[in-house]
Structures are given as structure tokens and as C-alpha cells.
Amino acid sequence: MAKRHPRDIVTLPNTRKFFIPDPGWMLIDADLRGADAMVVAREAQDNEMLDDLFSGTDLHSKNAAALFGTAFTALAAGPERNALRQATKQAVHATNYGCSPRTLATILGWTIRRAEDFQASWFRLHPGIRAWQRRVEAEITQTRTVRNAYGYRIIYFDRIESLLGQALAWVPQSTVAETCFQGALRVEAGGFAAQMLLQVHDSIVFQIPKSLFSNETMSAIAALLQNPIPYDPPLVIPWKLSYSEKSWGDLTTWLPETSKIGSKPTPITLETPKVLLPSTSGLASPPSPPSFGGAYG
């Protein structure tokens, strides 16, 4: 491949800066943290992985150490260590979603044998992941259908042998999207005149009047967003809140313990969060969830 001259490299603008709040309004971004991985861990009933995700452990470094041993831990901080950590992150994600050893080897430039060994080691460390994959595979083989925790289902019509990766990805992706959507509904009903602007998979962007913007308001919004996913027991994924009066590309992270936002009393009554589930009685239809391909029933 011919080398490109640095002048040929195009730096794209931060397109998020094109999204600005209306005059007199404050833009707020609410982002679910580690959402897809948490849903996968919950589906796999992998409590160790869930604990690591909630505690803020550097999961990718932990996985690299467990899978590669001293080949990772003996590396000094720097590009080589970072590259192996990144490869571990990619390989785990792809393996969780049903990637074959041959495809994994192609993606990372490994031999097929190395990819096979990696996946075998990963499944030994986290057998719940493999059990979840087999459960999903059995569902699509028997019914061509897979469901998420909210009770929504997707029906596939393609060849069975090509569906596993799609079905494995749909479970966490649809669960996260619905969690975002229900969080948005609660914020809209929360009494802040919130106007929803965007939902981007695991985040929502909305604006509220600057006159209502305060630490108390942000704390109340954070409480409203605590949307329990209806597992047994329920899973509540943490959110990160950011704000800007300039643009979506100029966000400041809101930290309740250190925030300098002025305090203003914000009257609001917070109700106990309720899980919204699709109706299963009579001919009633569930609310239309976001589209992820395939067909919903």
C-alpha cells in the first residue's frame, strides 16, 4: 500500500458541535456506562464480570492478564502493552457475539490456532458466556425467535446457520436501546420541560430551560434515569450526565460531589421507577420499540 502524505489526511470536524441548544436552554447528554457488556454479563449470569464492571475495574487489562499471563503483565506501560490490551478488548467483544476463530484471526492478524486457543481460554474463564450463546442458538434453531428482558422479540427469516451472531448482538443492543428510551420517557415526565433531541444507542440528548438548571435538577434527573431492567433481580445500569450551553461537542461531565453549578430549589416529586413491559393480554400490542432489523412480534 502506498504511503499517504500527511497533507492527504483529512481531519473531520467534530460534528457534534453542529448540535446546539436553543437560546436560553441547556443541553444535557445522558450516557449509559458499559451497558452492552453489563447486559451480556447478566444474560450469562457472570457475577464476577458484573462486579468488575460496576466497580470500575479496568476489565480489558484484567482479561489480558488472565488470558496472556506474563506476556501481558511483564510489558511496561506503552504502545505494546496498549496494543495487546486493545486486541483483548476486540477479541472478547467479538467472541461474546459469536465470532468464529477464522474471522477473529482475520480481524486481528492472528493465526487461526491462536484465535481458537484464545476463545477456548475465554470460555473456560467465563463458562456462562458459552452457556448463554448455546441458549440463544437453541432458541433461534427451534423458533427463529429471540427475546430480550423487556419481553420484546425479533423473528428471523434467514438461514439458521447465519443467524447466531445477529441474535447474540440483538439481545444487548435492543435491551440497551429500550433502557434509554424508558429513561427518556421518565425525564420527559419529570417536570423540567425537557425536550428530547436525540437517542444514539446507549445515550439520550435533551435540553431543559437554563432557569431550571441546577445541582438539584441534575440529581433529580439522575434519579429519574435509574431504570431497572426486568431481570431477577433487576439490573440498573449507571448513567453519566454531561451538560453544555454551547453545543453537544462541548460537554462538561457533571460530578455531583464536585459540581460548581449554582443551587436552586427544584420542586419535584419522584415516583418509584416502574418497568414498562409490553402487553401480553388479549390483542393489545406493545409500544413500538426501535428498529434493529428482522421483524418484531
C-alpha atoms as a PDB file:
ATOM      1  CA  MET A   1       0.000   0.000   0.000  1.00  0.00           C
ATOM      2  CA  ALA A   2       1.410   3.376  -0.974  1.00  0.00           C
ATOM      3  CA  LYS A   3       2.147   5.762   1.870  1.00  0.00           C
ATOM      4  CA  ARG A   4      -0.056   8.800   2.080  1.00  0.00           C
ATOM      5  CA  HIS A   5       1.455  12.207   2.527  1.00  0.00           C
ATOM      6  CA  PRO A   6       0.354  13.866   5.773  1.00  0.00           C
ATOM      7  CA  ARG A   7      -1.276  16.615   3.700  1.00  0.00           C
ATOM      8  CA  ASP A   8      -3.582  13.980   2.192  1.00  0.00           C
ATOM      9  CA  ILE A   9      -5.027  13.066   5.591  1.00  0.00           C
ATOM     10  CA  VAL A  10      -8.390  14.699   6.135  1.00  0.00           C
ATOM     11  CA  THR A  11      -9.359  15.574   9.695  1.00  0.00           C
ATOM     12  CA  LEU A  12     -13.107  15.503  10.040  1.00  0.00           C
ATOM     13  CA  PRO A  13     -14.745  18.187  12.181  1.00  0.00           C
ATOM     14  CA  ASN A  14     -16.392  17.369  15.470  1.00  0.00           C
ATOM     15  CA  THR A  15     -19.875  17.058  14.026  1.00  0.00           C
ATOM     16  CA  ARG A  16     -21.400  17.061  17.495  1.00  0.00           C
ATOM     17  CA  LYS A  17     -20.678  20.779  17.605  1.00  0.00           C
ATOM     18  CA  PHE A  18     -23.356  21.222  14.953  1.00  0.00           C
ATOM     19  CA  PHE A  19     -25.996  20.333  17.569  1.00  0.00           C
ATOM     20  CA  ILE A  20     -26.664  23.383  19.722  1.00  0.00           C
ATOM     21  CA  PRO A  21     -29.314  24.156  22.340  1.00  0.00           C
ATOM     22  CA  ASP A  22     -31.968  26.764  21.733  1.00  0.00           C
ATOM     23  CA  PRO A  23     -31.292  30.220  23.231  1.00  0.00           C
ATOM     24  CA  GLY A  24     -31.999  30.112  26.943  1.00  0.00           C
ATOM     25  CA  TRP A  25     -31.739  26.299  27.117  1.00  0.00           C
ATOM     26  CA  MET A  26     -29.098  23.901  28.446  1.00  0.00           C
ATOM     27  CA  LEU A  27     -28.100  20.773  26.515  1.00  0.00           C
ATOM     28  CA  ILE A  28     -27.783  17.570  28.558  1.00  0.00           C
ATOM     29  CA  ASP A  29     -26.282  14.254  27.449  1.00  0.00           C
ATOM     30  CA  ALA A  30     -27.138  11.120  29.440  1.00  0.00           C
ATOM     31  CA  ASP A  31     -24.941   8.153  28.577  1.00  0.00           C
ATOM     32  CA  LEU A  32     -25.266   4.580  29.880  1.00  0.00           C
ATOM     33  CA  ARG A  33     -21.871   3.305  31.045  1.00  0.00           C
ATOM     34  CA  GLY A  34     -20.696  -0.152  29.956  1.00  0.00           C
ATOM     35  CA  ALA A  35     -24.284  -1.016  29.081  1.00  0.00           C
ATOM     36  CA  ASP A  36     -23.828  -3.709  26.423  1.00  0.00           C
ATOM     37  CA  ALA A  37     -21.180  -5.528  28.455  1.00  0.00           C
ATOM     38  CA  MET A  38     -23.382  -5.417  31.561  1.00  0.00           C
ATOM     39  CA  VAL A  39     -26.323  -6.948  29.705  1.00  0.00           C
ATOM     40  CA  VAL A  40     -24.099  -9.693  28.279  1.00  0.00           C
ATOM     41  CA  ALA A  41     -22.739 -10.414  31.770  1.00  0.00           C
ATOM     42  CA  ARG A  42     -26.270 -10.523  33.195  1.00  0.00           C
ATOM     43  CA  GLU A  43     -27.523 -12.799  30.415  1.00  0.00           C
ATOM     44  CA  ALA A  44     -24.548 -15.073  31.141  1.00  0.00           C
ATOM     45  CA  GLN A  45     -25.162 -14.821  34.899  1.00  0.00           C
ATOM     46  CA  ASP A  46     -21.496 -13.895  35.244  1.00  0.00           C
ATOM     47  CA  ASN A  47     -21.385 -12.162  38.618  1.00  0.00           C
ATOM     48  CA  GLU A  48     -17.618 -11.677  38.547  1.00  0.00           C
ATOM     49  CA  MET A  49     -17.812  -9.718  35.305  1.00  0.00           C
ATOM     50  CA  LEU A  50     -20.733  -7.661  36.592  1.00  0.00           C
ATOM     51  CA  ASP A  51     -18.861  -6.836  39.798  1.00  0.00           C
ATOM     52  CA  ASP A  52     -15.839  -5.709  37.773  1.00  0.00           C
ATOM     53  CA  LEU A  53     -17.986  -3.500  35.552  1.00  0.00           C
ATOM     54  CA  PHE A  54     -19.757  -1.864  38.489  1.00  0.00           C
ATOM     55  CA  SER A  55     -16.534  -1.349  40.457  1.00  0.00           C
ATOM     56  CA  GLY A  56     -14.757   0.401  37.594  1.00  0.00           C
ATOM     57  CA  THR A  57     -12.054  -2.262  37.229  1.00  0.00           C
ATOM     58  CA  ASP A  58     -10.030  -1.967  34.021  1.00  0.00           C
ATOM     59  CA  LEU A  59     -11.705  -5.062  32.647  1.00  0.00           C
ATOM     60  CA  HIS A  60      -9.688  -5.217  29.432  1.00  0.00           C
ATOM     61  CA  SER A  61      -6.367  -5.202  31.301  1.00  0.00           C
ATOM     62  CA  LYS A  62      -7.687  -7.804  33.741  1.00  0.00           C
ATOM     63  CA  ASN A  63      -8.786 -10.004  30.838  1.00  0.00           C
ATOM     64  CA  ALA A  64      -5.452  -9.596  29.060  1.00  0.00           C
ATOM     65  CA  ALA A  65      -3.593 -10.633  32.215  1.00  0.00           C
ATOM     66  CA  ALA A  66      -5.861 -13.663  32.690  1.00  0.00           C
ATOM     67  CA  LEU A  67      -5.627 -14.752  29.045  1.00  0.00           C
ATOM     68  CA  PHE A  68      -1.982 -13.953  28.209  1.00  0.00           C
ATOM     69  CA  GLY A  69      -0.302 -14.082  31.622  1.00  0.00           C
ATOM     70  CA  THR A  70       3.223 -12.667  31.760  1.00  0.00           C
ATOM     71  CA  ALA A  71       3.123 -11.987  28.022  1.00  0.00           C
ATOM     72  CA  PHE A  72       0.935  -9.053  29.092  1.00  0.00           C
ATOM     73  CA  THR A  73       1.803  -8.360  32.727  1.00  0.00           C
ATOM     74  CA  ALA A  74       5.568  -8.229  32.036  1.00  0.00           C
ATOM     75  CA  LEU A  75       5.090  -5.474  29.467  1.00  0.00           C
ATOM     76  CA  ALA A  76       5.919  -1.967  30.582  1.00  0.00           C
ATOM     77  CA  ALA A  77       3.316   0.739  30.086  1.00  0.00           C
ATOM     78  CA  GLY A  78       3.487   1.825  26.481  1.00  0.00           C
ATOM     79  CA  PRO A  79       2.359   1.085  22.925  1.00  0.00           C
ATOM     80  CA  GLU A  80       2.993  -2.680  23.025  1.00  0.00           C
ATOM     81  CA  ARG A  81       1.003  -3.180  26.233  1.00  0.00           C
ATOM     82  CA  ASN A  82      -1.768  -0.905  24.954  1.00  0.00           C
ATOM     83  CA  ALA A  83      -1.920  -2.835  21.673  1.00  0.00           C
ATOM     84  CA  LEU A  84      -2.356  -6.184  23.455  1.00  0.00           C
ATOM     85  CA  ARG A  85      -4.991  -4.693  25.755  1.00  0.00           C
ATOM     86  CA  GLN A  86      -6.870  -3.347  22.730  1.00  0.00           C
ATOM     87  CA  ALA A  87      -6.610  -6.683  20.916  1.00  0.00           C
ATOM     88  CA  THR A  88      -8.014  -8.423  24.002  1.00  0.00           C
ATOM     89  CA  LYS A  89     -10.906  -5.972  24.117  1.00  0.00           C
ATOM     90  CA  GLN A  90     -11.726  -6.601  20.448  1.00  0.00           C
ATOM     91  CA  ALA A  91     -11.338 -10.362  20.730  1.00  0.00           C
ATOM     92  CA  VAL A  92     -13.545 -10.659  23.821  1.00  0.00           C
ATOM     93  CA  HIS A  93     -16.261  -8.495  22.284  1.00  0.00           C
ATOM     94  CA  ALA A  94     -16.200 -10.452  19.018  1.00  0.00           C
ATOM     95  CA  THR A  95     -16.156 -13.802  20.829  1.00  0.00           C
ATOM     96  CA  ASN A  96     -19.119 -12.830  23.016  1.00  0.00           C
ATOM     97  CA  TYR A  97     -21.085 -12.086  19.857  1.00  0.00           C
ATOM     98  CA  GLY A  98     -20.339 -15.424  18.215  1.00  0.00           C
ATOM     99  CA  CYS A  99     -17.359 -14.568  16.006  1.00  0.00           C
ATOM    100  CA  SER A 100     -15.672 -17.657  14.534  1.00  0.00           C
ATOM    101  CA  PRO A 101     -11.940 -18.323  15.099  1.00  0.00           C
ATOM    102  CA  ARG A 102     -11.259 -17.807  11.386  1.00  0.00           C
ATOM    103  CA  THR A 103     -12.963 -14.399  11.344  1.00  0.00           C
ATOM    104  CA  LEU A 104     -11.304 -13.372  14.606  1.00  0.00           C
ATOM    105  CA  ALA A 105      -7.913 -14.315  13.175  1.00  0.00           C
ATOM    106  CA  THR A 106      -8.589 -12.202  10.095  1.00  0.00           C
ATOM    107  CA  ILE A 107      -9.664  -9.178  12.160  1.00  0.00           C
ATOM    108  CA  LEU A 108      -6.626  -9.220  14.466  1.00  0.00           C
ATOM    109  CA  GLY A 109      -3.983 -10.683  12.163  1.00  0.00           C
ATOM    110  CA  TRP A 110      -3.621 -13.799  14.304  1.00  0.00           C
ATOM    111  CA  THR A 111      -3.249 -17.393  13.229  1.00  0.00           C
ATOM    112  CA  ILE A 112      -6.434 -19.446  13.382  1.00  0.00           C
ATOM    113  CA  ARG A 113      -4.826 -21.630  16.049  1.00  0.00           C
ATOM    114  CA  ARG A 114      -4.151 -18.595  18.229  1.00  0.00           C
ATOM    115  CA  ALA A 115      -7.759 -17.447  17.817  1.00  0.00           C
ATOM    116  CA  GLU A 116      -9.030 -20.930  18.714  1.00  0.00           C
ATOM    117  CA  ASP A 117      -6.840 -21.034  21.817  1.00  0.00           C
ATOM    118  CA  PHE A 118      -7.972 -17.555  22.845  1.00  0.00           C
ATOM    119  CA  GLN A 119     -11.656 -18.433  22.592  1.00  0.00           C
ATOM    120  CA  ALA A 120     -11.207 -21.749  24.394  1.00  0.00           C
ATOM    121  CA  SER A 121      -9.434 -19.942  27.242  1.00  0.00           C
ATOM    122  CA  TRP A 122     -12.115 -17.254  27.387  1.00  0.00           C
ATOM    123  CA  PHE A 123     -14.916 -19.802  27.648  1.00  0.00           C
ATOM    124  CA  ARG A 124     -13.028 -21.666  30.397  1.00  0.00           C
ATOM    125  CA  LEU A 125     -12.745 -18.435  32.371  1.00  0.00           C
ATOM    126  CA  HIS A 126     -16.360 -17.428  31.708  1.00  0.00           C
ATOM    127  CA  PRO A 127     -18.453 -20.538  31.027  1.00  0.00           C
ATOM    128  CA  GLY A 128     -21.656 -18.554  31.431  1.00  0.00           C
ATOM    129  CA  ILE A 129     -20.932 -16.749  28.154  1.00  0.00           C
ATOM    130  CA  ARG A 130     -20.844 -20.031  26.249  1.00  0.00           C
ATOM    131  CA  ALA A 131     -23.988 -21.247  28.021  1.00  0.00           C
ATOM    132  CA  TRP A 132     -25.816 -18.050  27.004  1.00  0.00           C
ATOM    133  CA  GLN A 133     -24.687 -18.462  23.398  1.00  0.00           C
ATOM    134  CA  ARG A 134     -25.962 -22.040  23.313  1.00  0.00           C
ATOM    135  CA  ARG A 135     -29.268 -20.954  24.814  1.00  0.00           C
ATOM    136  CA  VAL A 136     -29.733 -18.280  22.124  1.00  0.00           C
ATOM    137  CA  GLU A 137     -28.675 -20.751  19.434  1.00  0.00           C
ATOM    138  CA  ALA A 138     -31.302 -23.224  20.646  1.00  0.00           C
ATOM    139  CA  GLU A 139     -33.986 -20.520  20.614  1.00  0.00           C
ATOM    140  CA  ILE A 140     -33.350 -19.434  17.030  1.00  0.00           C
ATOM    141  CA  THR A 141     -32.982 -23.044  15.858  1.00  0.00           C
ATOM    142  CA  GLN A 142     -36.309 -24.062  17.388  1.00  0.00           C
ATOM    143  CA  THR A 143     -38.390 -20.899  16.947  1.00  0.00           C
ATOM    144  CA  ARG A 144     -36.385 -18.450  14.776  1.00  0.00           C
ATOM    145  CA  THR A 145     -37.079 -16.032  17.610  1.00  0.00           C
ATOM    146  CA  VAL A 146     -35.100 -14.467  20.427  1.00  0.00           C
ATOM    147  CA  ARG A 147     -36.402 -12.240  23.259  1.00  0.00           C
ATOM    148  CA  ASN A 148     -34.871  -9.589  25.466  1.00  0.00           C
ATOM    149  CA  ALA A 149     -35.504  -8.907  29.149  1.00  0.00           C
ATOM    150  CA  TYR A 150     -38.345  -6.488  28.352  1.00  0.00           C
ATOM    151  CA  GLY A 151     -40.283  -9.200  26.546  1.00  0.00           C
ATOM    152  CA  TYR A 152     -39.751  -7.885  23.035  1.00  0.00           C
ATOM    153  CA  ARG A 153     -38.864 -10.454  20.411  1.00  0.00           C
ATOM    154  CA  ILE A 154     -37.319 -10.478  16.982  1.00  0.00           C
ATOM    155  CA  ILE A 155     -38.193 -13.060  14.333  1.00  0.00           C
ATOM    156  CA  TYR A 156     -35.551 -14.057  11.778  1.00  0.00           C
ATOM    157  CA  PHE A 157     -36.202 -15.433   8.303  1.00  0.00           C
ATOM    158  CA  ASP A 158     -32.632 -16.017   7.053  1.00  0.00           C
ATOM    159  CA  ARG A 159     -30.758 -19.293   7.107  1.00  0.00           C
ATOM    160  CA  ILE A 160     -30.310 -20.586  10.644  1.00  0.00           C
ATOM    161  CA  GLU A 161     -26.547 -21.038  10.312  1.00  0.00           C
ATOM    162  CA  SER A 162     -26.086 -17.310   9.632  1.00  0.00           C
ATOM    163  CA  LEU A 163     -28.224 -16.002  12.496  1.00  0.00           C
ATOM    164  CA  LEU A 164     -26.331 -16.627  15.728  1.00  0.00           C
ATOM    165  CA  GLY A 165     -24.142 -13.517  15.592  1.00  0.00           C
ATOM    166  CA  GLN A 166     -27.123 -11.299  14.762  1.00  0.00           C
ATOM    167  CA  ALA A 167     -29.223 -12.769  17.561  1.00  0.00           C
ATOM    168  CA  LEU A 168     -26.433 -12.519  20.155  1.00  0.00           C
ATOM    169  CA  ALA A 169     -25.880  -8.858  19.274  1.00  0.00           C
ATOM    170  CA  TRP A 170     -29.597  -8.036  19.236  1.00  0.00           C
ATOM    171  CA  VAL A 171     -30.172  -9.101  22.842  1.00  0.00           C
ATOM    172  CA  PRO A 172     -27.889  -6.491  24.499  1.00  0.00           C
ATOM    173  CA  GLN A 173     -28.378  -3.831  21.817  1.00  0.00           C
ATOM    174  CA  SER A 174     -32.173  -3.906  21.975  1.00  0.00           C
ATOM    175  CA  THR A 175     -32.128  -4.066  25.779  1.00  0.00           C
ATOM    176  CA  VAL A 176     -29.858  -1.013  25.994  1.00  0.00           C
ATOM    177  CA  ALA A 177     -31.906   0.945  23.442  1.00  0.00           C
ATOM    178  CA  GLU A 178     -35.143   0.229  25.332  1.00  0.00           C
ATOM    179  CA  THR A 179     -33.498   1.201  28.628  1.00  0.00           C
ATOM    180  CA  CYS A 180     -32.516   4.539  27.072  1.00  0.00           C
ATOM    181  CA  PHE A 181     -35.997   5.033  25.659  1.00  0.00           C
ATOM    182  CA  GLN A 182     -37.686   4.404  29.001  1.00  0.00           C
ATOM    183  CA  GLY A 183     -35.222   6.730  30.720  1.00  0.00           C
ATOM    184  CA  ALA A 184     -36.162   9.425  28.193  1.00  0.00           C
ATOM    185  CA  LEU A 185     -39.859   8.931  28.914  1.00  0.00           C
ATOM    186  CA  ARG A 186     -39.252   9.369  32.645  1.00  0.00           C
ATOM    187  CA  VAL A 187     -37.221  12.537  32.131  1.00  0.00           C
ATOM    188  CA  GLU A 188     -39.912  13.976  29.851  1.00  0.00           C
ATOM    189  CA  ALA A 189     -42.495  13.349  32.576  1.00  0.00           C
ATOM    190  CA  GLY A 190     -40.235  14.670  35.347  1.00  0.00           C
ATOM    191  CA  GLY A 191     -41.404  18.286  35.385  1.00  0.00           C
ATOM    192  CA  PHE A 192     -38.388  20.002  33.811  1.00  0.00           C
ATOM    193  CA  ALA A 193     -39.935  20.905  30.434  1.00  0.00           C
ATOM    194  CA  ALA A 194     -37.320  18.588  28.936  1.00  0.00           C
ATOM    195  CA  GLN A 195     -37.270  18.381  25.144  1.00  0.00           C
ATOM    196  CA  MET A 196     -35.784  15.179  23.723  1.00  0.00           C
ATOM    197  CA  LEU A 197     -33.480  15.778  20.763  1.00  0.00           C
ATOM    198  CA  LEU A 198     -31.620  12.525  20.049  1.00  0.00           C
ATOM    199  CA  GLN A 199     -31.246   8.919  21.083  1.00  0.00           C
ATOM    200  CA  VAL A 200     -27.953   7.380  19.966  1.00  0.00           C
ATOM    201  CA  HIS A 201     -27.998   3.724  21.032  1.00  0.00           C
ATOM    202  CA  ASP A 202     -26.850   3.995  24.670  1.00  0.00           C
ATOM    203  CA  SER A 203     -27.321   7.731  25.180  1.00  0.00           C
ATOM    204  CA  ILE A 204     -30.005  10.389  25.011  1.00  0.00           C
ATOM    205  CA  VAL A 205     -29.598  14.111  24.349  1.00  0.00           C
ATOM    206  CA  PHE A 206     -32.165  16.638  25.517  1.00  0.00           C
ATOM    207  CA  GLN A 207     -32.454  20.256  26.592  1.00  0.00           C
ATOM    208  CA  ILE A 208     -34.030  21.966  29.579  1.00  0.00           C
ATOM    209  CA  PRO A 209     -34.560  25.673  30.330  1.00  0.00           C
ATOM    210  CA  LYS A 210     -31.451  27.249  31.841  1.00  0.00           C
ATOM    211  CA  SER A 211     -33.674  28.708  34.559  1.00  0.00           C
ATOM    212  CA  LEU A 212     -34.226  25.152  35.853  1.00  0.00           C
ATOM    213  CA  PHE A 213     -30.614  24.043  35.579  1.00  0.00           C
ATOM    214  CA  SER A 214     -29.068  23.336  38.999  1.00  0.00           C
ATOM    215  CA  ASN A 215     -27.374  20.615  41.029  1.00  0.00           C
ATOM    216  CA  GLU A 216     -30.767  19.639  42.429  1.00  0.00           C
ATOM    217  CA  THR A 217     -32.213  19.340  38.936  1.00  0.00           C
ATOM    218  CA  MET A 218     -29.292  17.206  37.732  1.00  0.00           C
ATOM    219  CA  SER A 219     -29.604  14.996  40.820  1.00  0.00           C
ATOM    220  CA  ALA A 220     -33.318  14.581  40.174  1.00  0.00           C
ATOM    221  CA  ILE A 221     -32.694  13.720  36.509  1.00  0.00           C
ATOM    222  CA  ALA A 222     -30.070  11.168  37.585  1.00  0.00           C
ATOM    223  CA  ALA A 223     -32.657   9.582  39.892  1.00  0.00           C
ATOM    224  CA  LEU A 224     -35.302   9.513  37.158  1.00  0.00           C
ATOM    225  CA  LEU A 225     -32.911   7.715  34.833  1.00  0.00           C
ATOM    226  CA  GLN A 226     -32.432   4.787  37.211  1.00  0.00           C
ATOM    227  CA  ASN A 227     -34.357   2.406  35.011  1.00  0.00           C
ATOM    228  CA  PRO A 228     -34.434  -1.197  36.312  1.00  0.00           C
ATOM    229  CA  ILE A 229     -34.085  -3.773  33.549  1.00  0.00           C
ATOM    230  CA  PRO A 230     -36.521  -6.562  34.491  1.00  0.00           C
ATOM    231  CA  TYR A 231     -34.148  -9.386  35.236  1.00  0.00           C
ATOM    232  CA  ASP A 232     -34.468 -11.267  38.519  1.00  0.00           C
ATOM    233  CA  PRO A 233     -33.038  -9.440  40.383  1.00  0.00           C
ATOM    234  CA  PRO A 234     -33.356  -6.243  38.264  1.00  0.00           C
ATOM    235  CA  LEU A 235     -30.252  -4.745  36.664  1.00  0.00           C
ATOM    236  CA  VAL A 236     -29.761  -0.976  36.978  1.00  0.00           C
ATOM    237  CA  ILE A 237     -27.019   0.349  34.698  1.00  0.00           C
ATOM    238  CA  PRO A 238     -25.318   3.601  35.816  1.00  0.00           C
ATOM    239  CA  TRP A 239     -25.538   6.761  33.699  1.00  0.00           C
ATOM    240  CA  LYS A 240     -23.040   9.548  33.088  1.00  0.00           C
ATOM    241  CA  LEU A 241     -24.524  13.045  32.792  1.00  0.00           C
ATOM    242  CA  SER A 242     -22.880  15.895  30.898  1.00  0.00           C
ATOM    243  CA  TYR A 243     -24.080  19.376  30.035  1.00  0.00           C
ATOM    244  CA  SER A 244     -23.324  22.377  27.820  1.00  0.00           C
ATOM    245  CA  GLU A 245     -24.917  25.695  26.941  1.00  0.00           C
ATOM    246  CA  LYS A 246     -22.759  25.805  23.797  1.00  0.00           C
ATOM    247  CA  SER A 247     -23.072  22.508  21.846  1.00  0.00           C
ATOM    248  CA  TRP A 248     -23.170  18.715  22.033  1.00  0.00           C
ATOM    249  CA  GLY A 249     -19.468  18.770  21.192  1.00  0.00           C
ATOM    250  CA  ASP A 250     -18.554  20.961  24.173  1.00  0.00           C
ATOM    251  CA  LEU A 251     -19.843  18.897  27.080  1.00  0.00           C
ATOM    252  CA  THR A 252     -18.775  19.129  30.715  1.00  0.00           C
ATOM    253  CA  THR A 253     -19.192  15.985  32.829  1.00  0.00           C
ATOM    254  CA  TRP A 254     -21.470  16.501  35.813  1.00  0.00           C
ATOM    255  CA  LEU A 255     -19.967  15.159  39.038  1.00  0.00           C
ATOM    256  CA  PRO A 256     -22.405  15.595  41.928  1.00  0.00           C
ATOM    257  CA  GLU A 257     -19.703  15.662  44.590  1.00  0.00           C
ATOM    258  CA  THR A 258     -17.588  18.373  42.920  1.00  0.00           C
ATOM    259  CA  SER A 259     -20.012  20.282  40.701  1.00  0.00           C
ATOM    260  CA  LYS A 260     -19.919  24.082  40.921  1.00  0.00           C
ATOM    261  CA  ILE A 261     -23.397  24.531  39.433  1.00  0.00           C
ATOM    262  CA  GLY A 262     -25.447  27.053  41.376  1.00  0.00           C
ATOM    263  CA  SER A 263     -28.097  25.554  43.630  1.00  0.00           C
ATOM    264  CA  LYS A 264     -31.739  26.398  43.093  1.00  0.00           C
ATOM    265  CA  PRO A 265     -34.671  24.624  44.721  1.00  0.00           C
ATOM    266  CA  THR A 266     -36.419  22.470  42.141  1.00  0.00           C
ATOM    267  CA  PRO A 267     -39.813  21.198  43.297  1.00  0.00           C
ATOM    268  CA  ILE A 268     -40.359  17.671  42.025  1.00  0.00           C
ATOM    269  CA  THR A 269     -41.915  14.520  43.364  1.00  0.00           C
ATOM    270  CA  LEU A 270     -40.009  11.420  42.297  1.00  0.00           C
ATOM    271  CA  GLU A 271     -42.047   8.269  41.959  1.00  0.00           C
ATOM    272  CA  THR A 272     -40.632   4.795  42.391  1.00  0.00           C
ATOM    273  CA  PRO A 273     -39.296   3.732  38.968  1.00  0.00           C
ATOM    274  CA  LYS A 274     -41.581   1.310  37.159  1.00  0.00           C
ATOM    275  CA  VAL A 275     -40.571  -1.145  34.486  1.00  0.00           C
ATOM    276  CA  LEU A 276     -42.658  -0.746  31.350  1.00  0.00           C
ATOM    277  CA  LEU A 277     -43.358  -4.116  29.784  1.00  0.00           C
ATOM    278  CA  PRO A 278     -45.143  -4.960  26.548  1.00  0.00           C
ATOM    279  CA  SER A 279     -48.721  -6.139  26.955  1.00  0.00           C
ATOM    280  CA  THR A 280     -49.291  -9.879  26.690  1.00  0.00           C
ATOM    281  CA  SER A 281     -53.049  -9.951  27.193  1.00  0.00           C
ATOM    282  CA  GLY A 282     -55.775 -10.009  24.566  1.00  0.00           C
ATOM    283  CA  LEU A 283     -54.948  -8.339  21.279  1.00  0.00           C
ATOM    284  CA  ALA A 284     -53.116  -5.391  22.792  1.00  0.00           C
ATOM    285  CA  SER A 285     -49.818  -4.592  21.087  1.00  0.00           C
ATOM    286  CA  PRO A 286     -46.638  -3.486  22.867  1.00  0.00           C
ATOM    287  CA  PRO A 287     -45.285   0.005  22.229  1.00  0.00           C
ATOM    288  CA  SER A 288     -43.175   0.012  19.087  1.00  0.00           C
ATOM    289  CA  PRO A 289     -39.511  -0.474  20.071  1.00  0.00           C
ATOM    290  CA  PRO A 290     -36.617   0.883  17.993  1.00  0.00           C
ATOM    291  CA  SER A 291     -35.931  -0.972  14.750  1.00  0.00           C
ATOM    292  CA  PHE A 292     -32.997  -3.393  14.730  1.00  0.00           C
ATOM    293  CA  GLY A 293     -33.756  -5.314  11.541  1.00  0.00           C
ATOM    294  CA  GLY A 294     -35.661  -8.552  11.239  1.00  0.00           C
ATOM    295  CA  ALA A 295     -39.288  -8.493  12.314  1.00  0.00           C
ATOM    296  CA  TYR A 296     -40.825  -7.738  15.678  1.00  0.00           C
ATOM    297  CA  GLY A 297     -43.714  -9.693  17.076  1.00  0.00           C
END
